[in-house]
């Protein structure tokens, strides 16, 4: 019998180091040290982090993860039969962000809202690559990209209530996709707590960058 697990893959130390570098970059930026901030952002664009993401959704990922067929699993529904709305409301997003504390509920890595990435990229376009293709995107921002994930996938009948939405990282979201927890051999993400990294308590998703920017434009 295959054992259940908490996440599809264990995060590597370089992910947390990259998050720390980005946090220091924001601090440097807020102090007016743009050159230091730029260097720290470049440091966070780590090849090992990119390789970790690519392994999660590249060719053969599902076989590597050992997904399994489950008898009588929820079927894939036609579009017209899937619960609506497809994505959670802003109120539910806010509640889930507060509950999950800006960390992936499966693997436990820190997360960054796309709004933060966009704001930082407007200040550091050379350092934060974000082309239309995945290749060339900044590794840390790609890895820590905050996702709203359905525990029971929407295409399998899952709704967008707070009880069925969790925060996840890119690798956990796109690695699992339409797979149910049972098919992925995953423990329900709301039924356990991951070990916390040293920066857990102070991690704000770099959203102080938005706060300071807004105050500056007031």
N, C-alpha and C. Protein backbone atom coordinates (compact mmCIF):
# COMPACT_ATOMS: atom_id res chain seq x y z
N UNK A 1 0.85 -1.20 0.00
CA UNK A 1 0.00 0.00 0.00
C UNK A 1 0.88 1.25 0.00
N UNK A 2 0.58 2.19 -0.89
CA UNK A 2 1.38 3.41 -0.98
C UNK A 2 1.05 4.34 0.18
N UNK A 3 2.08 4.93 0.76
CA UNK A 3 1.87 5.84 1.88
C UNK A 3 1.37 7.19 1.40
N UNK A 4 0.58 7.84 2.25
CA UNK A 4 0.15 9.21 1.97
C UNK A 4 1.30 10.16 2.29
N UNK A 5 1.22 11.37 1.73
CA UNK A 5 2.29 12.35 1.91
C UNK A 5 1.68 13.73 2.06
N UNK A 6 2.51 14.67 2.51
CA UNK A 6 2.04 16.03 2.74
C UNK A 6 2.16 16.91 1.50
N UNK A 7 3.14 16.64 0.65
CA UNK A 7 3.31 17.43 -0.57
C UNK A 7 3.91 16.53 -1.65
N UNK A 8 3.82 16.98 -2.88
CA UNK A 8 4.35 16.18 -3.99
C UNK A 8 5.86 16.07 -3.92
N UNK A 9 6.52 17.14 -3.45
CA UNK A 9 7.97 17.14 -3.33
C UNK A 9 8.37 18.00 -2.14
N UNK A 10 9.49 17.66 -1.53
CA UNK A 10 9.99 18.45 -0.42
C UNK A 10 10.73 19.68 -0.96
N UNK A 11 10.43 20.86 -0.44
CA UNK A 11 11.13 22.06 -0.92
C UNK A 11 12.61 22.01 -0.59
N UNK A 12 13.41 22.59 -1.47
CA UNK A 12 14.85 22.61 -1.27
C UNK A 12 15.26 23.85 -0.49
N UNK A 13 16.39 23.83 0.22
CA UNK A 13 16.81 24.99 1.03
C UNK A 13 16.98 26.26 0.21
N UNK A 14 17.34 26.13 -1.06
CA UNK A 14 17.55 27.32 -1.89
C UNK A 14 16.29 28.15 -2.06
N UNK A 15 15.13 27.53 -1.92
CA UNK A 15 13.87 28.28 -2.03
C UNK A 15 13.75 29.28 -0.88
N UNK A 16 14.02 28.83 0.31
CA UNK A 16 13.92 29.70 1.48
C UNK A 16 15.03 30.76 1.46
N UNK A 17 16.20 30.39 0.95
CA UNK A 17 17.28 31.37 0.83
C UNK A 17 16.90 32.46 -0.16
N UNK A 18 16.23 32.07 -1.26
CA UNK A 18 15.79 33.05 -2.25
C UNK A 18 14.73 33.98 -1.66
N UNK A 19 13.82 33.42 -0.89
CA UNK A 19 12.79 34.25 -0.23
C UNK A 19 13.45 35.25 0.70
N UNK A 20 14.46 34.82 1.44
CA UNK A 20 15.17 35.71 2.35
C UNK A 20 15.86 36.83 1.57
N UNK A 21 16.46 36.48 0.42
CA UNK A 21 17.11 37.50 -0.40
C UNK A 21 16.13 38.54 -0.90
N UNK A 22 14.94 38.08 -1.31
CA UNK A 22 13.93 39.02 -1.79
C UNK A 22 13.44 39.92 -0.66
N UNK A 23 13.31 39.36 0.52
CA UNK A 23 12.90 40.17 1.66
C UNK A 23 13.94 41.24 1.97
N UNK A 24 15.21 40.86 1.93
CA UNK A 24 16.28 41.83 2.15
C UNK A 24 16.30 42.87 1.04
N UNK A 25 15.95 42.46 -0.18
CA UNK A 25 15.90 43.40 -1.31
C UNK A 25 14.85 44.47 -1.07
N UNK A 26 13.69 44.05 -0.56
CA UNK A 26 12.64 45.03 -0.25
C UNK A 26 13.12 45.99 0.82
N UNK A 27 13.77 45.46 1.86
CA UNK A 27 14.28 46.34 2.92
C UNK A 27 15.28 47.34 2.34
N UNK A 28 16.16 46.87 1.47
CA UNK A 28 17.15 47.76 0.86
C UNK A 28 16.47 48.83 0.00
N UNK A 29 15.46 48.41 -0.74
CA UNK A 29 14.72 49.36 -1.58
C UNK A 29 14.06 50.44 -0.73
N UNK A 30 13.44 50.03 0.36
CA UNK A 30 12.74 50.99 1.21
C UNK A 30 13.70 51.96 1.90
N UNK A 31 14.96 51.55 2.00
CA UNK A 31 15.98 52.44 2.56
C UNK A 31 16.66 53.29 1.48
N UNK A 32 16.23 53.09 0.23
CA UNK A 32 16.79 53.85 -0.87
C UNK A 32 18.04 53.26 -1.48
N UNK A 33 18.38 52.02 -1.11
CA UNK A 33 19.59 51.37 -1.63
C UNK A 33 19.23 50.51 -2.85
N UNK A 34 19.01 51.14 -3.97
CA UNK A 34 18.51 50.44 -5.15
C UNK A 34 19.54 49.47 -5.72
N UNK A 35 20.81 49.81 -5.69
CA UNK A 35 21.83 48.90 -6.22
C UNK A 35 21.88 47.61 -5.40
N UNK A 36 21.82 47.76 -4.09
CA UNK A 36 21.82 46.57 -3.22
C UNK A 36 20.56 45.75 -3.46
N UNK A 37 19.42 46.42 -3.59
CA UNK A 37 18.17 45.70 -3.85
C UNK A 37 18.26 44.93 -5.16
N UNK A 38 18.80 45.55 -6.19
CA UNK A 38 18.92 44.90 -7.49
C UNK A 38 19.81 43.67 -7.39
N UNK A 39 20.91 43.76 -6.66
CA UNK A 39 21.82 42.62 -6.51
C UNK A 39 21.14 41.48 -5.77
N UNK A 40 20.37 41.79 -4.76
CA UNK A 40 19.67 40.76 -4.00
C UNK A 40 18.59 40.09 -4.83
N UNK A 41 17.90 40.86 -5.66
CA UNK A 41 16.89 40.28 -6.54
C UNK A 41 17.55 39.32 -7.54
N UNK A 42 18.69 39.72 -8.07
CA UNK A 42 19.41 38.84 -9.00
C UNK A 42 19.87 37.57 -8.29
N UNK A 43 20.31 37.71 -7.04
CA UNK A 43 20.76 36.53 -6.28
C UNK A 43 19.62 35.53 -6.11
N UNK A 44 18.41 36.03 -5.96
CA UNK A 44 17.26 35.14 -5.76
C UNK A 44 16.85 34.40 -7.03
N UNK A 45 17.35 34.82 -8.17
CA UNK A 45 17.04 34.15 -9.43
C UNK A 45 17.95 32.94 -9.57
N UNK A 46 17.67 31.93 -8.75
CA UNK A 46 18.57 30.80 -8.54
C UNK A 46 18.27 29.64 -9.50
N UNK A 47 19.27 29.15 -10.23
CA UNK A 47 19.04 28.03 -11.15
C UNK A 47 18.51 26.78 -10.46
N UNK A 48 18.93 26.52 -9.23
CA UNK A 48 18.43 25.34 -8.52
C UNK A 48 16.94 25.48 -8.21
N UNK A 49 16.49 26.70 -7.94
CA UNK A 49 15.06 26.92 -7.71
C UNK A 49 14.28 26.69 -8.99
N UNK A 50 14.82 27.18 -10.10
CA UNK A 50 14.14 26.96 -11.38
C UNK A 50 14.07 25.47 -11.71
N UNK A 51 15.15 24.73 -11.46
CA UNK A 51 15.16 23.29 -11.73
C UNK A 51 14.12 22.56 -10.88
N UNK A 52 13.93 23.02 -9.64
CA UNK A 52 12.93 22.44 -8.75
C UNK A 52 11.53 22.61 -9.35
N UNK A 53 11.22 23.81 -9.83
CA UNK A 53 9.91 24.06 -10.43
C UNK A 53 9.72 23.21 -11.67
N UNK A 54 10.73 23.21 -12.54
CA UNK A 54 10.62 22.52 -13.82
C UNK A 54 10.39 21.02 -13.63
N UNK A 55 11.00 20.46 -12.59
CA UNK A 55 10.79 19.03 -12.31
C UNK A 55 9.36 18.74 -11.90
N UNK A 56 8.67 19.76 -11.38
CA UNK A 56 7.32 19.57 -10.88
C UNK A 56 6.26 19.53 -11.95
N UNK A 57 6.53 20.11 -13.10
CA UNK A 57 5.48 20.10 -14.13
C UNK A 57 6.01 19.69 -15.51
N UNK A 58 7.28 19.32 -15.57
CA UNK A 58 7.86 18.92 -16.84
C UNK A 58 7.37 17.55 -17.29
N UNK A 59 7.92 17.10 -18.40
CA UNK A 59 7.52 15.82 -18.98
C UNK A 59 7.77 14.69 -17.99
N UNK A 60 6.76 13.85 -17.82
CA UNK A 60 6.89 12.70 -16.92
C UNK A 60 6.66 13.00 -15.45
N UNK A 61 6.21 14.23 -15.13
CA UNK A 61 6.05 14.61 -13.72
C UNK A 61 5.04 13.72 -13.01
N UNK A 62 3.92 13.43 -13.66
CA UNK A 62 2.88 12.64 -12.99
C UNK A 62 3.37 11.23 -12.68
N UNK A 63 4.16 10.68 -13.59
CA UNK A 63 4.72 9.35 -13.32
C UNK A 63 5.72 9.41 -12.18
N UNK A 64 6.53 10.46 -12.14
CA UNK A 64 7.50 10.61 -11.05
C UNK A 64 6.80 10.77 -9.70
N UNK A 65 5.68 11.45 -9.70
CA UNK A 65 4.94 11.66 -8.46
C UNK A 65 4.17 10.42 -8.01
N UNK A 66 4.01 9.46 -8.89
CA UNK A 66 3.32 8.24 -8.51
C UNK A 66 1.82 8.42 -8.32
N UNK A 67 1.19 9.26 -9.15
CA UNK A 67 -0.26 9.39 -9.09
C UNK A 67 -0.89 8.04 -9.39
N UNK A 68 -2.05 7.82 -8.82
CA UNK A 68 -2.70 6.52 -8.96
C UNK A 68 -4.16 6.69 -9.31
N UNK A 69 -4.74 5.67 -9.93
CA UNK A 69 -6.17 5.67 -10.23
C UNK A 69 -6.92 5.19 -8.99
N UNK A 70 -8.05 5.84 -8.71
CA UNK A 70 -8.88 5.50 -7.56
C UNK A 70 -10.26 5.05 -8.06
N UNK A 71 -10.68 3.86 -7.69
CA UNK A 71 -12.03 3.42 -8.11
C UNK A 71 -13.10 4.38 -7.58
N UNK A 72 -14.07 4.68 -8.41
CA UNK A 72 -15.19 5.53 -8.02
C UNK A 72 -14.76 6.95 -7.64
N UNK A 73 -13.63 7.41 -8.18
CA UNK A 73 -13.19 8.79 -7.94
C UNK A 73 -14.16 9.76 -8.62
N UNK A 74 -14.28 10.99 -8.12
CA UNK A 74 -15.16 11.97 -8.77
C UNK A 74 -14.77 12.13 -10.25
N UNK A 75 -15.74 12.08 -11.15
CA UNK A 75 -15.43 12.18 -12.58
C UNK A 75 -15.09 13.62 -12.98
N UNK A 76 -14.47 13.76 -14.14
CA UNK A 76 -14.23 15.09 -14.71
C UNK A 76 -15.53 15.56 -15.36
N UNK A 77 -16.01 16.70 -14.92
CA UNK A 77 -17.32 17.19 -15.34
C UNK A 77 -17.22 18.07 -16.58
N UNK A 78 -18.25 18.07 -17.40
CA UNK A 78 -18.31 19.04 -18.49
C UNK A 78 -18.31 20.46 -17.92
N UNK A 79 -17.84 21.41 -18.68
CA UNK A 79 -17.75 22.80 -18.22
C UNK A 79 -19.07 23.30 -17.65
N UNK A 80 -20.17 22.96 -18.31
CA UNK A 80 -21.48 23.46 -17.89
C UNK A 80 -21.91 22.92 -16.54
N UNK A 81 -21.32 21.80 -16.10
CA UNK A 81 -21.74 21.16 -14.86
C UNK A 81 -20.81 21.48 -13.69
N UNK A 82 -19.78 22.28 -13.91
CA UNK A 82 -18.83 22.58 -12.85
C UNK A 82 -19.35 23.71 -11.96
N UNK A 83 -19.04 23.66 -10.67
CA UNK A 83 -19.51 24.71 -9.75
C UNK A 83 -19.00 26.09 -10.17
N UNK A 84 -19.83 27.07 -9.98
CA UNK A 84 -19.46 28.45 -10.25
C UNK A 84 -19.62 29.28 -8.98
N UNK A 85 -18.83 30.36 -8.85
CA UNK A 85 -17.83 30.83 -9.79
C UNK A 85 -16.60 29.94 -9.81
N UNK A 86 -15.86 29.98 -10.91
CA UNK A 86 -14.66 29.15 -11.04
C UNK A 86 -13.60 29.55 -10.03
N UNK A 87 -13.45 30.84 -9.78
CA UNK A 87 -12.45 31.33 -8.84
C UNK A 87 -13.13 31.95 -7.62
N UNK A 88 -12.45 31.93 -6.47
CA UNK A 88 -13.05 32.50 -5.25
C UNK A 88 -13.25 34.00 -5.36
N UNK A 89 -14.19 34.51 -4.61
CA UNK A 89 -14.43 35.95 -4.56
C UNK A 89 -13.28 36.64 -3.84
N UNK A 90 -13.22 37.95 -3.95
CA UNK A 90 -12.18 38.71 -3.27
C UNK A 90 -12.25 38.53 -1.75
N UNK A 91 -13.47 38.43 -1.23
CA UNK A 91 -13.64 38.24 0.21
C UNK A 91 -13.07 36.89 0.66
N UNK A 92 -13.33 35.86 -0.12
CA UNK A 92 -12.80 34.54 0.22
C UNK A 92 -11.28 34.52 0.06
N UNK A 93 -10.77 35.16 -0.99
CA UNK A 93 -9.31 35.25 -1.15
C UNK A 93 -8.66 35.89 0.07
N UNK A 94 -9.25 36.97 0.55
CA UNK A 94 -8.69 37.66 1.71
C UNK A 94 -8.72 36.76 2.94
N UNK A 95 -9.82 36.03 3.13
CA UNK A 95 -9.94 35.15 4.28
C UNK A 95 -8.94 34.00 4.21
N UNK A 96 -8.75 33.47 3.02
CA UNK A 96 -7.81 32.36 2.86
C UNK A 96 -6.37 32.83 3.06
N UNK A 97 -6.04 34.03 2.55
CA UNK A 97 -4.70 34.57 2.76
C UNK A 97 -4.42 34.74 4.25
N UNK A 98 -5.40 35.22 4.98
CA UNK A 98 -5.23 35.42 6.42
C UNK A 98 -5.08 34.07 7.13
N UNK A 99 -5.89 33.11 6.76
CA UNK A 99 -5.84 31.79 7.40
C UNK A 99 -4.53 31.07 7.12
N UNK A 100 -4.09 31.10 5.87
CA UNK A 100 -2.91 30.33 5.45
C UNK A 100 -1.61 31.10 5.61
N UNK A 101 -1.69 32.35 5.99
CA UNK A 101 -0.53 33.16 6.37
C UNK A 101 0.54 33.23 5.28
N UNK A 102 0.08 33.32 4.03
CA UNK A 102 0.97 33.54 2.90
C UNK A 102 2.04 32.46 2.77
N UNK A 103 1.63 31.22 3.03
CA UNK A 103 2.50 30.06 2.85
C UNK A 103 1.71 28.95 2.16
N UNK A 104 2.41 28.15 1.37
CA UNK A 104 1.78 27.02 0.69
C UNK A 104 1.30 26.01 1.72
N UNK A 105 0.04 25.59 1.62
CA UNK A 105 -0.52 24.68 2.59
C UNK A 105 -0.06 23.23 2.38
N UNK A 106 0.57 22.96 1.25
CA UNK A 106 1.11 21.62 1.03
C UNK A 106 2.59 21.55 1.44
N UNK A 107 3.44 22.30 0.77
CA UNK A 107 4.88 22.16 1.01
C UNK A 107 5.43 23.16 2.03
N UNK A 108 4.68 24.23 2.32
CA UNK A 108 5.07 25.15 3.37
C UNK A 108 5.98 26.29 2.97
N UNK A 109 6.23 26.49 1.68
CA UNK A 109 7.14 27.58 1.30
C UNK A 109 6.39 28.92 1.32
N UNK A 110 7.12 30.03 1.51
CA UNK A 110 6.48 31.35 1.52
C UNK A 110 5.99 31.73 0.12
N UNK A 111 4.98 32.61 0.08
CA UNK A 111 4.34 32.97 -1.18
C UNK A 111 4.32 34.47 -1.38
N UNK A 112 4.25 34.87 -2.67
CA UNK A 112 4.21 36.28 -3.05
C UNK A 112 3.04 36.49 -4.01
N UNK A 113 2.16 37.43 -3.66
CA UNK A 113 1.02 37.76 -4.51
C UNK A 113 1.51 38.37 -5.82
N UNK A 114 0.86 38.05 -6.95
CA UNK A 114 1.27 38.63 -8.23
C UNK A 114 1.30 40.16 -8.23
N UNK A 115 0.44 40.80 -7.43
CA UNK A 115 0.44 42.26 -7.39
C UNK A 115 1.77 42.80 -6.87
N UNK A 116 2.38 42.08 -5.94
CA UNK A 116 3.69 42.49 -5.43
C UNK A 116 4.75 42.33 -6.50
N UNK A 117 4.72 41.19 -7.17
CA UNK A 117 5.69 40.96 -8.25
C UNK A 117 5.59 42.05 -9.32
N UNK A 118 4.39 42.38 -9.71
CA UNK A 118 4.21 43.40 -10.76
C UNK A 118 4.73 44.75 -10.31
N UNK A 119 4.47 45.10 -9.05
CA UNK A 119 4.95 46.39 -8.55
C UNK A 119 6.47 46.42 -8.48
N UNK A 120 7.07 45.34 -8.02
CA UNK A 120 8.52 45.30 -7.94
C UNK A 120 9.15 45.26 -9.33
N UNK A 121 8.50 44.58 -10.24
CA UNK A 121 9.05 44.52 -11.61
C UNK A 121 9.01 45.89 -12.28
N UNK A 122 8.03 46.71 -11.93
CA UNK A 122 7.98 48.05 -12.51
C UNK A 122 9.17 48.90 -12.05
N UNK A 123 9.72 48.57 -10.88
CA UNK A 123 10.88 49.27 -10.36
C UNK A 123 12.19 48.62 -10.80
N UNK A 124 12.16 47.30 -11.02
CA UNK A 124 13.38 46.55 -11.35
C UNK A 124 13.12 45.63 -12.55
N UNK A 125 12.81 46.21 -13.71
CA UNK A 125 12.46 45.40 -14.87
C UNK A 125 13.61 44.54 -15.40
N UNK A 126 14.84 44.99 -15.25
CA UNK A 126 15.97 44.22 -15.74
C UNK A 126 16.26 43.01 -14.84
N UNK A 127 15.98 43.17 -13.56
CA UNK A 127 16.30 42.10 -12.60
C UNK A 127 15.19 41.05 -12.51
N UNK A 128 13.96 41.44 -12.77
CA UNK A 128 12.83 40.52 -12.65
C UNK A 128 12.31 40.19 -14.04
N UNK A 129 12.91 39.17 -14.63
CA UNK A 129 12.45 38.74 -15.95
C UNK A 129 11.08 38.09 -15.86
N UNK A 130 10.20 38.46 -16.78
CA UNK A 130 8.85 37.87 -16.80
C UNK A 130 8.30 37.88 -18.22
N UNK A 131 8.95 37.11 -19.13
CA UNK A 131 8.49 37.06 -20.52
C UNK A 131 7.20 36.26 -20.64
N UNK A 132 6.67 36.18 -21.84
CA UNK A 132 5.40 35.48 -22.07
C UNK A 132 5.56 33.97 -21.91
N UNK A 133 6.76 33.45 -22.12
CA UNK A 133 7.02 32.02 -21.92
C UNK A 133 7.57 31.80 -20.52
N UNK A 134 7.45 30.57 -20.02
CA UNK A 134 7.96 30.27 -18.68
C UNK A 134 9.47 30.42 -18.61
N UNK A 135 10.14 29.96 -19.64
CA UNK A 135 11.60 30.08 -19.66
C UNK A 135 11.98 31.55 -19.68
N UNK A 136 12.83 31.93 -18.75
CA UNK A 136 13.25 33.32 -18.64
C UNK A 136 12.59 34.07 -17.50
N UNK A 137 11.55 33.47 -16.91
CA UNK A 137 10.93 34.10 -15.75
C UNK A 137 11.86 33.99 -14.54
N UNK A 138 11.82 34.99 -13.68
CA UNK A 138 12.64 35.00 -12.46
C UNK A 138 12.28 33.78 -11.61
N UNK A 139 13.29 32.98 -11.27
CA UNK A 139 13.05 31.69 -10.62
C UNK A 139 12.30 31.82 -9.30
N UNK A 140 12.73 32.74 -8.44
CA UNK A 140 12.09 32.85 -7.12
C UNK A 140 10.67 33.37 -7.23
N UNK A 141 10.45 34.37 -8.05
CA UNK A 141 9.09 34.89 -8.21
C UNK A 141 8.17 33.84 -8.84
N UNK A 142 8.73 33.01 -9.71
CA UNK A 142 7.94 31.93 -10.30
C UNK A 142 7.60 30.87 -9.25
N UNK A 143 8.59 30.49 -8.46
CA UNK A 143 8.40 29.44 -7.46
C UNK A 143 7.44 29.88 -6.35
N UNK A 144 7.57 31.14 -5.91
CA UNK A 144 6.80 31.63 -4.78
C UNK A 144 5.49 32.30 -5.20
N UNK A 145 5.11 32.14 -6.44
CA UNK A 145 3.91 32.75 -7.00
C UNK A 145 2.67 32.20 -6.30
N UNK A 146 1.97 33.05 -5.58
CA UNK A 146 0.79 32.66 -4.80
C UNK A 146 -0.33 32.20 -5.72
N UNK A 147 -0.87 31.01 -5.41
CA UNK A 147 -1.97 30.43 -6.17
C UNK A 147 -3.15 30.14 -5.24
N UNK A 148 -4.37 30.26 -5.77
CA UNK A 148 -5.57 29.84 -5.05
C UNK A 148 -5.98 28.49 -5.63
N UNK A 149 -5.80 27.45 -4.85
CA UNK A 149 -5.95 26.08 -5.35
C UNK A 149 -7.19 25.42 -4.76
N UNK A 150 -7.94 24.73 -5.59
CA UNK A 150 -9.09 23.96 -5.12
C UNK A 150 -8.61 22.63 -4.54
N UNK A 151 -8.98 22.32 -3.31
CA UNK A 151 -8.62 21.04 -2.71
C UNK A 151 -9.22 19.91 -3.54
N UNK A 152 -10.53 19.94 -3.73
CA UNK A 152 -11.17 19.08 -4.74
C UNK A 152 -11.24 19.93 -6.00
N UNK A 153 -10.53 19.53 -7.06
CA UNK A 153 -10.49 20.37 -8.26
C UNK A 153 -11.87 20.76 -8.76
N UNK A 154 -11.97 21.96 -9.28
CA UNK A 154 -13.24 22.45 -9.80
C UNK A 154 -13.80 21.53 -10.88
N UNK A 155 -12.92 21.00 -11.71
CA UNK A 155 -13.39 20.12 -12.79
C UNK A 155 -13.88 18.78 -12.28
N UNK A 156 -13.64 18.50 -10.99
CA UNK A 156 -14.13 17.25 -10.39
C UNK A 156 -15.30 17.52 -9.45
N UNK A 157 -15.78 18.79 -9.44
CA UNK A 157 -16.95 19.12 -8.64
C UNK A 157 -16.67 19.99 -7.44
N UNK A 158 -15.43 20.47 -7.27
CA UNK A 158 -15.10 21.30 -6.12
C UNK A 158 -15.55 22.74 -6.28
N UNK A 159 -16.13 23.30 -5.22
CA UNK A 159 -16.59 24.69 -5.29
C UNK A 159 -15.47 25.63 -4.87
N UNK A 160 -15.76 26.92 -4.83
CA UNK A 160 -14.75 27.93 -4.50
C UNK A 160 -15.00 28.54 -3.13
N UNK A 161 -15.47 27.73 -2.20
CA UNK A 161 -15.65 28.18 -0.82
C UNK A 161 -14.30 28.18 -0.11
N UNK A 162 -14.24 28.88 1.01
CA UNK A 162 -12.99 28.92 1.78
C UNK A 162 -12.59 27.54 2.26
N UNK A 163 -13.56 26.65 2.46
CA UNK A 163 -13.25 25.29 2.92
C UNK A 163 -12.60 24.45 1.82
N UNK A 164 -12.74 24.88 0.56
CA UNK A 164 -12.17 24.10 -0.55
C UNK A 164 -11.05 24.85 -1.27
N UNK A 165 -10.66 26.01 -0.75
CA UNK A 165 -9.58 26.79 -1.36
C UNK A 165 -8.43 26.91 -0.37
N UNK A 166 -7.23 26.64 -0.85
CA UNK A 166 -6.03 26.83 -0.04
C UNK A 166 -5.00 27.59 -0.86
N UNK A 167 -4.08 28.25 -0.16
CA UNK A 167 -2.96 28.87 -0.85
C UNK A 167 -1.93 27.79 -1.18
N UNK A 168 -1.42 27.84 -2.40
CA UNK A 168 -0.35 26.92 -2.78
C UNK A 168 0.68 27.67 -3.62
N UNK A 169 1.83 27.04 -3.77
CA UNK A 169 2.86 27.57 -4.65
C UNK A 169 2.62 27.06 -6.07
N UNK A 170 3.42 27.55 -7.00
CA UNK A 170 3.28 27.14 -8.40
C UNK A 170 3.46 25.65 -8.58
N UNK A 171 4.53 25.09 -7.98
CA UNK A 171 4.83 23.68 -8.19
C UNK A 171 3.73 22.78 -7.64
N UNK A 172 3.19 23.10 -6.47
CA UNK A 172 2.14 22.27 -5.89
C UNK A 172 0.84 22.39 -6.67
N UNK A 173 0.51 23.59 -7.14
CA UNK A 173 -0.72 23.78 -7.88
C UNK A 173 -0.65 23.11 -9.25
N UNK A 174 0.36 23.46 -10.03
CA UNK A 174 0.45 22.93 -11.39
C UNK A 174 0.95 21.49 -11.43
N UNK A 175 1.60 21.05 -10.36
CA UNK A 175 2.00 19.65 -10.30
C UNK A 175 0.81 18.73 -10.12
N UNK A 176 -0.18 19.20 -9.34
CA UNK A 176 -1.36 18.36 -9.07
C UNK A 176 -2.45 18.57 -10.10
N UNK A 177 -2.70 19.81 -10.49
CA UNK A 177 -3.73 20.15 -11.48
C UNK A 177 -5.08 19.53 -11.12
N UNK A 178 -5.63 18.67 -12.01
CA UNK A 178 -6.98 18.16 -11.83
C UNK A 178 -7.02 16.91 -10.95
N UNK A 179 -5.89 16.53 -10.39
CA UNK A 179 -5.81 15.31 -9.59
C UNK A 179 -6.43 15.52 -8.20
N UNK A 180 -7.17 14.54 -7.72
CA UNK A 180 -7.72 14.62 -6.36
C UNK A 180 -6.62 14.31 -5.35
N UNK A 181 -6.88 14.62 -4.09
CA UNK A 181 -5.90 14.31 -3.05
C UNK A 181 -5.60 12.82 -3.00
N UNK A 182 -6.63 12.00 -3.11
CA UNK A 182 -6.45 10.55 -3.03
C UNK A 182 -5.61 10.05 -4.20
N UNK A 183 -5.86 10.59 -5.39
CA UNK A 183 -5.08 10.18 -6.56
C UNK A 183 -3.62 10.61 -6.43
N UNK A 184 -3.40 11.73 -5.76
CA UNK A 184 -2.04 12.21 -5.56
C UNK A 184 -1.39 11.71 -4.30
N UNK A 185 -2.12 10.87 -3.52
CA UNK A 185 -1.63 10.33 -2.24
C UNK A 185 -1.29 11.44 -1.26
N UNK A 186 -2.14 12.47 -1.23
CA UNK A 186 -1.88 13.65 -0.42
C UNK A 186 -2.82 13.75 0.78
N UNK A 187 -2.25 14.08 1.92
CA UNK A 187 -3.04 14.37 3.11
C UNK A 187 -3.78 15.68 2.90
N UNK A 188 -4.97 15.81 3.42
CA UNK A 188 -5.74 17.05 3.27
C UNK A 188 -4.92 18.21 3.86
N UNK A 189 -4.70 19.26 3.10
CA UNK A 189 -3.80 20.33 3.55
C UNK A 189 -4.28 21.13 4.75
N UNK A 190 -5.57 21.05 5.06
CA UNK A 190 -6.07 21.75 6.24
C UNK A 190 -6.04 20.88 7.50
N UNK A 191 -5.54 19.66 7.36
CA UNK A 191 -5.51 18.73 8.49
C UNK A 191 -4.13 18.56 9.10
N UNK A 192 -3.15 19.38 8.68
CA UNK A 192 -1.82 19.28 9.25
C UNK A 192 -1.13 20.62 9.13
N UNK A 193 -0.03 20.78 9.86
CA UNK A 193 0.79 21.99 9.77
C UNK A 193 2.21 21.60 9.41
N UNK A 194 2.78 22.28 8.42
CA UNK A 194 4.15 22.01 8.02
C UNK A 194 5.12 22.57 9.05
N UNK A 195 6.33 21.99 9.15
CA UNK A 195 7.38 22.63 9.97
C UNK A 195 7.64 24.04 9.44
N UNK A 196 7.83 24.97 10.35
CA UNK A 196 7.98 26.37 9.96
C UNK A 196 9.45 26.74 9.75
N UNK A 197 9.73 27.46 8.68
CA UNK A 197 11.08 27.93 8.43
C UNK A 197 11.35 29.15 9.33
N UNK A 198 12.62 29.54 9.51
CA UNK A 198 12.93 30.63 10.43
C UNK A 198 12.24 31.95 10.12
N UNK A 199 11.89 32.18 8.86
CA UNK A 199 11.26 33.44 8.50
C UNK A 199 9.74 33.43 8.52
N UNK A 200 9.15 32.34 9.02
CA UNK A 200 7.69 32.19 8.92
C UNK A 200 6.94 33.34 9.60
N UNK A 201 7.29 33.63 10.82
CA UNK A 201 6.52 34.59 11.61
C UNK A 201 6.55 36.00 11.03
N UNK A 202 7.65 36.36 10.39
CA UNK A 202 7.80 37.73 9.89
C UNK A 202 7.48 37.86 8.40
N UNK A 203 7.19 36.75 7.73
CA UNK A 203 6.94 36.80 6.29
C UNK A 203 5.63 37.52 6.00
N UNK A 204 5.70 38.58 5.21
CA UNK A 204 4.50 39.34 4.84
C UNK A 204 4.24 39.28 3.35
N UNK A 205 4.89 38.33 2.67
CA UNK A 205 4.71 38.23 1.23
C UNK A 205 5.29 39.42 0.48
N UNK A 206 6.19 40.17 1.13
CA UNK A 206 6.80 41.39 0.58
C UNK A 206 5.77 42.50 0.37
N UNK A 207 4.61 42.36 0.98
CA UNK A 207 3.52 43.32 0.75
C UNK A 207 3.80 44.69 1.35
N UNK A 208 4.82 44.79 2.19
CA UNK A 208 5.24 46.11 2.67
C UNK A 208 5.76 46.97 1.53
N UNK A 209 6.18 46.33 0.45
CA UNK A 209 6.59 47.08 -0.74
C UNK A 209 5.39 47.83 -1.29
N UNK A 210 4.23 47.20 -1.34
CA UNK A 210 3.02 47.85 -1.84
C UNK A 210 2.56 48.94 -0.88
N UNK A 211 2.65 48.64 0.42
CA UNK A 211 2.21 49.61 1.42
C UNK A 211 3.03 50.89 1.35
N UNK A 212 4.35 50.72 1.27
CA UNK A 212 5.24 51.88 1.19
C UNK A 212 5.05 52.63 -0.12
N UNK A 213 4.81 51.90 -1.17
CA UNK A 213 4.62 52.53 -2.48
C UNK A 213 3.33 53.35 -2.48
N UNK A 214 2.29 52.79 -1.87
CA UNK A 214 1.02 53.49 -1.79
C UNK A 214 1.12 54.74 -0.96
N UNK A 215 1.86 54.63 0.15
CA UNK A 215 2.03 55.80 1.01
C UNK A 215 2.80 56.89 0.29
N UNK A 216 3.76 56.46 -0.55
CA UNK A 216 4.54 57.44 -1.28
C UNK A 216 3.76 58.15 -2.35
N UNK A 217 2.70 57.47 -2.84
CA UNK A 217 1.86 58.07 -3.89
C UNK A 217 0.67 58.82 -3.33
N UNK A 218 0.52 58.78 -2.00
CA UNK A 218 -0.67 59.42 -1.40
C UNK A 218 -0.57 60.93 -1.47
